[in-house]
Structure formats: C-alpha cells, structure tokens
N, C-alpha and C. Protein backbone atom coordinates (compact mmCIF):
# COMPACT_ATOMS: atom_id res chain seq x y z
N LEU A 1 101.01 109.48 103.27
CA LEU A 1 100.76 108.49 104.32
C LEU A 1 102.07 107.96 104.91
N GLN A 2 103.18 108.27 104.31
CA GLN A 2 104.44 107.79 104.85
C GLN A 2 104.85 108.62 106.06
N THR A 3 104.11 108.45 107.12
CA THR A 3 104.38 109.14 108.38
C THR A 3 104.46 108.11 109.47
N ASN A 4 104.64 108.59 110.69
CA ASN A 4 104.68 107.70 111.84
C ASN A 4 105.65 106.54 111.65
N LYS A 5 106.74 106.82 110.99
CA LYS A 5 107.80 105.83 110.79
C LYS A 5 107.35 104.60 110.01
N LEU A 6 106.39 104.76 109.14
CA LEU A 6 105.97 103.66 108.27
C LEU A 6 106.92 103.58 107.09
N THR A 7 107.29 102.39 106.74
CA THR A 7 108.12 102.22 105.55
C THR A 7 107.22 102.26 104.32
N LYS A 8 107.84 102.40 103.18
CA LYS A 8 107.09 102.40 101.93
C LYS A 8 106.33 101.08 101.77
N GLU A 9 106.98 99.98 102.15
CA GLU A 9 106.35 98.66 102.04
C GLU A 9 105.13 98.56 102.95
N GLU A 10 105.24 99.11 104.16
CA GLU A 10 104.11 99.08 105.08
C GLU A 10 102.94 99.89 104.55
N VAL A 11 103.24 101.04 103.96
CA VAL A 11 102.18 101.86 103.37
C VAL A 11 101.49 101.10 102.25
N ILE A 12 102.26 100.43 101.42
CA ILE A 12 101.69 99.63 100.32
C ILE A 12 100.82 98.51 100.88
N ASP A 13 101.33 97.80 101.88
CA ASP A 13 100.57 96.70 102.50
C ASP A 13 99.26 97.21 103.10
N MET A 14 99.32 98.34 103.79
CA MET A 14 98.12 98.90 104.41
C MET A 14 97.12 99.34 103.35
N THR A 15 97.61 99.89 102.27
CA THR A 15 96.74 100.32 101.18
C THR A 15 96.06 99.12 100.52
N MET A 16 96.81 98.05 100.36
CA MET A 16 96.23 96.83 99.77
C MET A 16 95.18 96.23 100.71
N GLY A 17 95.43 96.29 102.00
CA GLY A 17 94.52 95.72 102.98
C GLY A 17 93.30 96.58 103.26
N LEU A 18 93.42 97.88 103.01
CA LEU A 18 92.33 98.81 103.26
C LEU A 18 92.43 99.97 102.28
N PRO A 19 91.98 99.75 101.05
CA PRO A 19 92.09 100.81 100.05
C PRO A 19 91.41 102.12 100.46
N SER A 20 90.36 102.02 101.26
CA SER A 20 89.66 103.23 101.68
C SER A 20 90.44 104.04 102.72
N ILE A 21 91.63 103.60 103.04
CA ILE A 21 92.45 104.34 104.00
C ILE A 21 92.68 105.78 103.54
N TYR A 22 92.66 105.99 102.24
CA TYR A 22 92.90 107.33 101.72
C TYR A 22 91.68 108.23 101.88
N GLU A 23 90.56 107.66 102.30
CA GLU A 23 89.39 108.47 102.61
C GLU A 23 89.45 109.02 104.03
N MET A 24 90.36 108.46 104.84
CA MET A 24 90.54 108.93 106.22
C MET A 24 91.45 110.14 106.20
N SER A 25 91.26 111.01 107.18
CA SER A 25 92.15 112.17 107.26
C SER A 25 93.52 111.70 107.76
N LEU A 26 94.54 112.38 107.32
CA LEU A 26 95.90 112.05 107.73
C LEU A 26 96.03 112.19 109.25
N GLU A 27 95.40 113.20 109.80
CA GLU A 27 95.43 113.41 111.25
C GLU A 27 94.83 112.22 111.99
N ASN A 28 93.71 111.72 111.49
CA ASN A 28 93.05 110.57 112.10
C ASN A 28 93.94 109.33 112.03
N ILE A 29 94.53 109.09 110.89
CA ILE A 29 95.42 107.94 110.73
C ILE A 29 96.62 108.05 111.66
N GLU A 30 97.22 109.22 111.70
CA GLU A 30 98.40 109.42 112.55
C GLU A 30 98.05 109.24 114.02
N ARG A 31 96.89 109.77 114.43
CA ARG A 31 96.46 109.65 115.84
C ARG A 31 96.25 108.17 116.18
N LYS A 32 95.61 107.43 115.30
CA LYS A 32 95.36 106.02 115.55
C LYS A 32 96.67 105.22 115.57
N LEU A 33 97.52 105.44 114.59
CA LEU A 33 98.80 104.73 114.55
C LEU A 33 99.63 105.04 115.79
N GLY A 34 99.62 106.29 116.21
CA GLY A 34 100.35 106.68 117.42
C GLY A 34 99.82 105.96 118.65
N PHE A 35 98.50 105.88 118.75
CA PHE A 35 97.90 105.18 119.89
C PHE A 35 98.28 103.70 119.87
N TYR A 36 98.10 103.05 118.73
CA TYR A 36 98.40 101.62 118.67
C TYR A 36 99.88 101.35 118.89
N GLU A 37 100.72 102.25 118.46
CA GLU A 37 102.15 102.09 118.73
C GLU A 37 102.41 102.21 120.23
N SER A 38 101.72 103.15 120.89
CA SER A 38 101.93 103.36 122.32
C SER A 38 101.50 102.16 123.16
N ILE A 39 100.60 101.32 122.64
CA ILE A 39 100.18 100.14 123.39
C ILE A 39 100.79 98.85 122.83
N GLY A 40 101.75 99.01 121.94
CA GLY A 40 102.49 97.86 121.44
C GLY A 40 101.81 97.05 120.35
N LEU A 41 100.84 97.66 119.66
CA LEU A 41 100.11 96.92 118.62
C LEU A 41 100.31 97.49 117.22
N ARG A 42 101.32 98.28 117.03
CA ARG A 42 101.56 98.90 115.73
C ARG A 42 101.65 97.87 114.62
N SER A 43 102.42 96.82 114.83
CA SER A 43 102.62 95.81 113.78
C SER A 43 101.31 95.11 113.44
N CYS A 44 100.42 94.97 114.42
CA CYS A 44 99.12 94.34 114.17
C CYS A 44 98.26 95.22 113.27
N ILE A 45 98.36 96.51 113.44
CA ILE A 45 97.58 97.44 112.62
C ILE A 45 98.13 97.48 111.21
N VAL A 46 99.44 97.46 111.09
CA VAL A 46 100.06 97.45 109.76
C VAL A 46 99.66 96.18 109.03
N LYS A 47 99.64 95.08 109.74
CA LYS A 47 99.31 93.78 109.14
C LYS A 47 97.81 93.66 108.84
N TYR A 48 96.98 94.25 109.69
CA TYR A 48 95.52 94.18 109.55
C TYR A 48 94.92 95.59 109.60
N PRO A 49 95.13 96.36 108.56
CA PRO A 49 94.73 97.77 108.59
C PRO A 49 93.23 98.01 108.68
N LYS A 50 92.41 96.99 108.41
CA LYS A 50 90.97 97.18 108.53
C LYS A 50 90.58 97.53 109.96
N ASN A 51 91.45 97.22 110.91
CA ASN A 51 91.17 97.58 112.30
C ASN A 51 91.20 99.09 112.52
N LEU A 52 91.76 99.83 111.57
CA LEU A 52 91.75 101.29 111.67
C LEU A 52 90.34 101.87 111.55
N ILE A 53 89.41 101.06 111.07
CA ILE A 53 88.03 101.53 110.92
C ILE A 53 87.40 101.81 112.29
N GLN A 54 87.76 101.01 113.29
CA GLN A 54 87.20 101.21 114.62
C GLN A 54 87.64 102.56 115.18
N SER A 55 86.73 103.25 115.84
CA SER A 55 87.06 104.56 116.39
C SER A 55 88.14 104.44 117.46
N ILE A 56 88.96 105.47 117.54
CA ILE A 56 90.01 105.48 118.55
C ILE A 56 89.39 105.58 119.94
N GLU A 57 88.23 106.21 120.04
CA GLU A 57 87.55 106.31 121.33
C GLU A 57 87.19 104.92 121.87
N LEU A 58 86.65 104.08 120.98
CA LEU A 58 86.27 102.73 121.40
C LEU A 58 87.51 101.88 121.67
N SER A 59 88.52 102.00 120.85
CA SER A 59 89.75 101.23 121.07
C SER A 59 90.39 101.62 122.41
N TYR A 60 90.43 102.91 122.68
CA TYR A 60 91.00 103.39 123.95
C TYR A 60 90.20 102.83 125.13
N ALA A 61 88.86 102.94 125.05
CA ALA A 61 88.01 102.47 126.15
C ALA A 61 88.19 100.97 126.39
N ARG A 62 88.23 100.21 125.32
CA ARG A 62 88.42 98.76 125.47
C ARG A 62 89.80 98.45 126.03
N TYR A 63 90.81 99.16 125.55
CA TYR A 63 92.17 98.94 126.06
C TYR A 63 92.23 99.22 127.57
N GLU A 64 91.65 100.33 127.98
CA GLU A 64 91.64 100.67 129.41
C GLU A 64 90.86 99.64 130.21
N TYR A 65 89.77 99.16 129.65
CA TYR A 65 89.00 98.10 130.31
C TYR A 65 89.86 96.86 130.49
N PHE A 66 90.56 96.47 129.44
CA PHE A 66 91.44 95.30 129.53
C PHE A 66 92.49 95.50 130.62
N LYS A 67 93.05 96.69 130.71
CA LYS A 67 94.03 96.96 131.76
C LYS A 67 93.38 96.80 133.13
N SER A 68 92.14 97.26 133.27
CA SER A 68 91.47 97.21 134.57
C SER A 68 91.19 95.77 135.03
N ILE A 69 91.08 94.85 134.08
CA ILE A 69 90.84 93.45 134.45
C ILE A 69 92.11 92.60 134.29
N ASN A 70 93.24 93.29 134.16
CA ASN A 70 94.54 92.63 134.02
C ASN A 70 94.60 91.66 132.85
N TYR A 71 94.00 92.06 131.75
CA TYR A 71 94.02 91.27 130.52
C TYR A 71 95.06 91.89 129.59
N LYS A 72 96.14 91.19 129.39
CA LYS A 72 97.25 91.72 128.59
C LYS A 72 97.01 91.49 127.11
N LEU A 73 96.98 92.57 126.35
CA LEU A 73 96.86 92.47 124.89
C LEU A 73 98.25 92.35 124.28
N ASP A 74 98.36 91.48 123.30
CA ASP A 74 99.61 91.36 122.57
C ASP A 74 99.30 90.89 121.15
N GLU A 75 100.32 90.55 120.41
CA GLU A 75 100.13 90.16 119.02
C GLU A 75 99.35 88.86 118.86
N ASN A 76 99.24 88.08 119.93
CA ASN A 76 98.52 86.81 119.85
C ASN A 76 97.02 86.95 120.12
N ASN A 77 96.62 87.97 120.87
CA ASN A 77 95.21 88.08 121.24
C ASN A 77 94.63 89.48 120.98
N PHE A 78 95.32 90.29 120.20
CA PHE A 78 94.89 91.66 119.95
C PHE A 78 93.51 91.76 119.30
N ARG A 79 93.08 90.69 118.64
CA ARG A 79 91.79 90.72 117.94
C ARG A 79 90.61 90.96 118.89
N LYS A 80 90.80 90.64 120.16
CA LYS A 80 89.75 90.90 121.14
C LYS A 80 89.43 92.40 121.22
N LEU A 81 90.42 93.22 120.97
CA LEU A 81 90.22 94.66 120.98
C LEU A 81 89.26 95.10 119.88
N PHE A 82 89.18 94.33 118.81
CA PHE A 82 88.41 94.71 117.63
C PHE A 82 87.18 93.82 117.38
N LEU A 83 86.74 93.10 118.40
CA LEU A 83 85.54 92.29 118.24
C LEU A 83 84.34 93.16 117.88
N GLU A 84 83.39 92.58 117.16
CA GLU A 84 82.14 93.29 116.88
C GLU A 84 81.50 93.65 118.22
N ILE A 85 80.75 94.73 118.23
CA ILE A 85 80.17 95.23 119.47
C ILE A 85 79.36 94.16 120.20
N LYS A 86 78.50 93.47 119.48
CA LYS A 86 77.66 92.44 120.10
C LYS A 86 78.50 91.32 120.69
N ARG A 87 79.48 90.86 119.95
CA ARG A 87 80.35 89.77 120.43
C ARG A 87 81.18 90.20 121.63
N PHE A 88 81.66 91.43 121.60
CA PHE A 88 82.43 91.94 122.74
C PHE A 88 81.55 91.95 124.00
N ASN A 89 80.34 92.45 123.84
CA ASN A 89 79.40 92.52 124.95
C ASN A 89 79.10 91.12 125.50
N GLU A 90 78.88 90.17 124.62
CA GLU A 90 78.61 88.79 125.04
C GLU A 90 79.81 88.16 125.74
N PHE A 91 80.99 88.41 125.18
CA PHE A 91 82.20 87.77 125.70
C PHE A 91 82.63 88.37 127.04
N PHE A 92 82.59 89.71 127.14
CA PHE A 92 83.10 90.39 128.34
C PHE A 92 82.00 90.93 129.25
N GLY A 93 80.76 90.93 128.77
CA GLY A 93 79.65 91.38 129.61
C GLY A 93 79.63 92.86 129.90
N VAL A 94 80.17 93.64 128.98
CA VAL A 94 80.19 95.09 129.16
C VAL A 94 79.82 95.75 127.83
N SER A 95 78.98 96.76 127.90
CA SER A 95 78.49 97.40 126.67
C SER A 95 79.44 98.49 126.18
N LYS A 96 79.29 98.80 124.93
CA LYS A 96 80.06 99.88 124.31
C LYS A 96 79.81 101.19 125.05
N GLU A 97 78.55 101.49 125.33
CA GLU A 97 78.19 102.74 125.98
C GLU A 97 78.82 102.84 127.36
N SER A 98 78.78 101.74 128.09
CA SER A 98 79.38 101.70 129.42
C SER A 98 80.88 101.99 129.35
N LEU A 99 81.55 101.35 128.42
CA LEU A 99 82.99 101.56 128.26
C LEU A 99 83.31 103.00 127.89
N LEU A 100 82.56 103.54 126.94
CA LEU A 100 82.83 104.91 126.49
C LEU A 100 82.57 105.92 127.60
N ASN A 101 81.60 105.65 128.45
CA ASN A 101 81.33 106.54 129.58
C ASN A 101 82.41 106.43 130.65
N ARG A 102 82.88 105.21 130.88
CA ARG A 102 83.86 104.97 131.93
C ARG A 102 85.27 105.41 131.54
N TYR A 103 85.62 105.21 130.28
CA TYR A 103 86.98 105.50 129.80
C TYR A 103 86.92 106.48 128.64
N SER A 104 86.94 107.75 128.96
CA SER A 104 86.80 108.80 127.95
C SER A 104 88.15 109.13 127.31
N TYR A 105 88.20 108.98 126.01
CA TYR A 105 89.43 109.31 125.28
C TYR A 105 89.70 110.81 125.33
N SER A 106 88.66 111.63 125.25
CA SER A 106 88.87 113.08 125.29
C SER A 106 89.42 113.52 126.65
N GLU A 107 88.96 112.89 127.74
CA GLU A 107 89.51 113.20 129.06
C GLU A 107 90.98 112.78 129.14
N TYR A 108 91.28 111.65 128.55
CA TYR A 108 92.67 111.18 128.50
C TYR A 108 93.54 112.21 127.77
N LEU A 109 93.05 112.70 126.64
CA LEU A 109 93.81 113.70 125.89
C LEU A 109 93.98 114.98 126.69
N ASP A 110 92.92 115.40 127.38
CA ASP A 110 93.00 116.61 128.21
C ASP A 110 94.07 116.46 129.29
N LYS A 111 94.09 115.31 129.96
CA LYS A 111 95.08 115.06 131.01
C LYS A 111 96.49 115.02 130.42
N LYS A 112 96.59 114.44 129.23
CA LYS A 112 97.88 114.35 128.56
C LYS A 112 98.41 115.75 128.23
N GLN A 113 97.50 116.62 127.80
CA GLN A 113 97.89 118.01 127.46
C GLN A 113 98.34 118.76 128.71
N LEU A 114 97.68 118.53 129.84
CA LEU A 114 98.03 119.21 131.08
C LEU A 114 99.43 118.82 131.56
N LYS A 115 99.84 117.61 131.26
CA LYS A 115 101.15 117.13 131.67
C LYS A 115 102.28 117.77 130.89
N LYS A 116 101.94 118.32 129.71
CA LYS A 116 102.99 118.93 128.87
C LYS A 116 103.40 120.27 129.38
C-alpha cells in the first residue's frame, strides 16, 4: 500500500482508520488516491480513509457537479462530497442517478486516454 507517495505513517493512519482497506484492490486504491490528489483532497482522504468506500464514479460525478455550480471544495468543506445519498439529494436537489448519467467517469477516462 505504500504507493502514490504515501509515507509509512500515512499508510498506518489509513489502516487504523479503515482496516478493511486491505480488502480493496491496490489498483482501486491507487486510482482513488490519484483522483483525490488531482482535486486537492489527498490529505482529507489520508485523514479520513473511510471516504475511500464511496465509488470513484460517484465522487467524480459529485465533484463535476460542484464545479458546474461554482462550489469550491477544500479541506474545510470536503465532507459535502461524501454525504449520504439521501442527504446529498435533499441538500443539493440532485439525485445520484442524475449525477452519474450527467458526469460519466468512464467517459472522462476515455477522453483522458485520447489526449495521451
């Protein structure tokens, strides 16, 4: 698990915060950590590793939604990205299904691959 520039201490902290992290595939963990690092939330994930449970597809869709409404995520309000589905829907008035249809992570990956 010592990948993605995680220190030994960070790996220990993440393991203590989410022991089931070792049930996740290394590829899945690396993909999620890479995504959260790309949006400036790496330290939040290291500090609160239970957020790794949320699918990257949903995190990506919510992040893109936040960008579309000019809502800046940072270390002070990142928890909005990980709200329970019902609470997110109530707070922002948009459903999980709607977000996933509008902001496809697989399409994002396809476009990213084409740019290479």
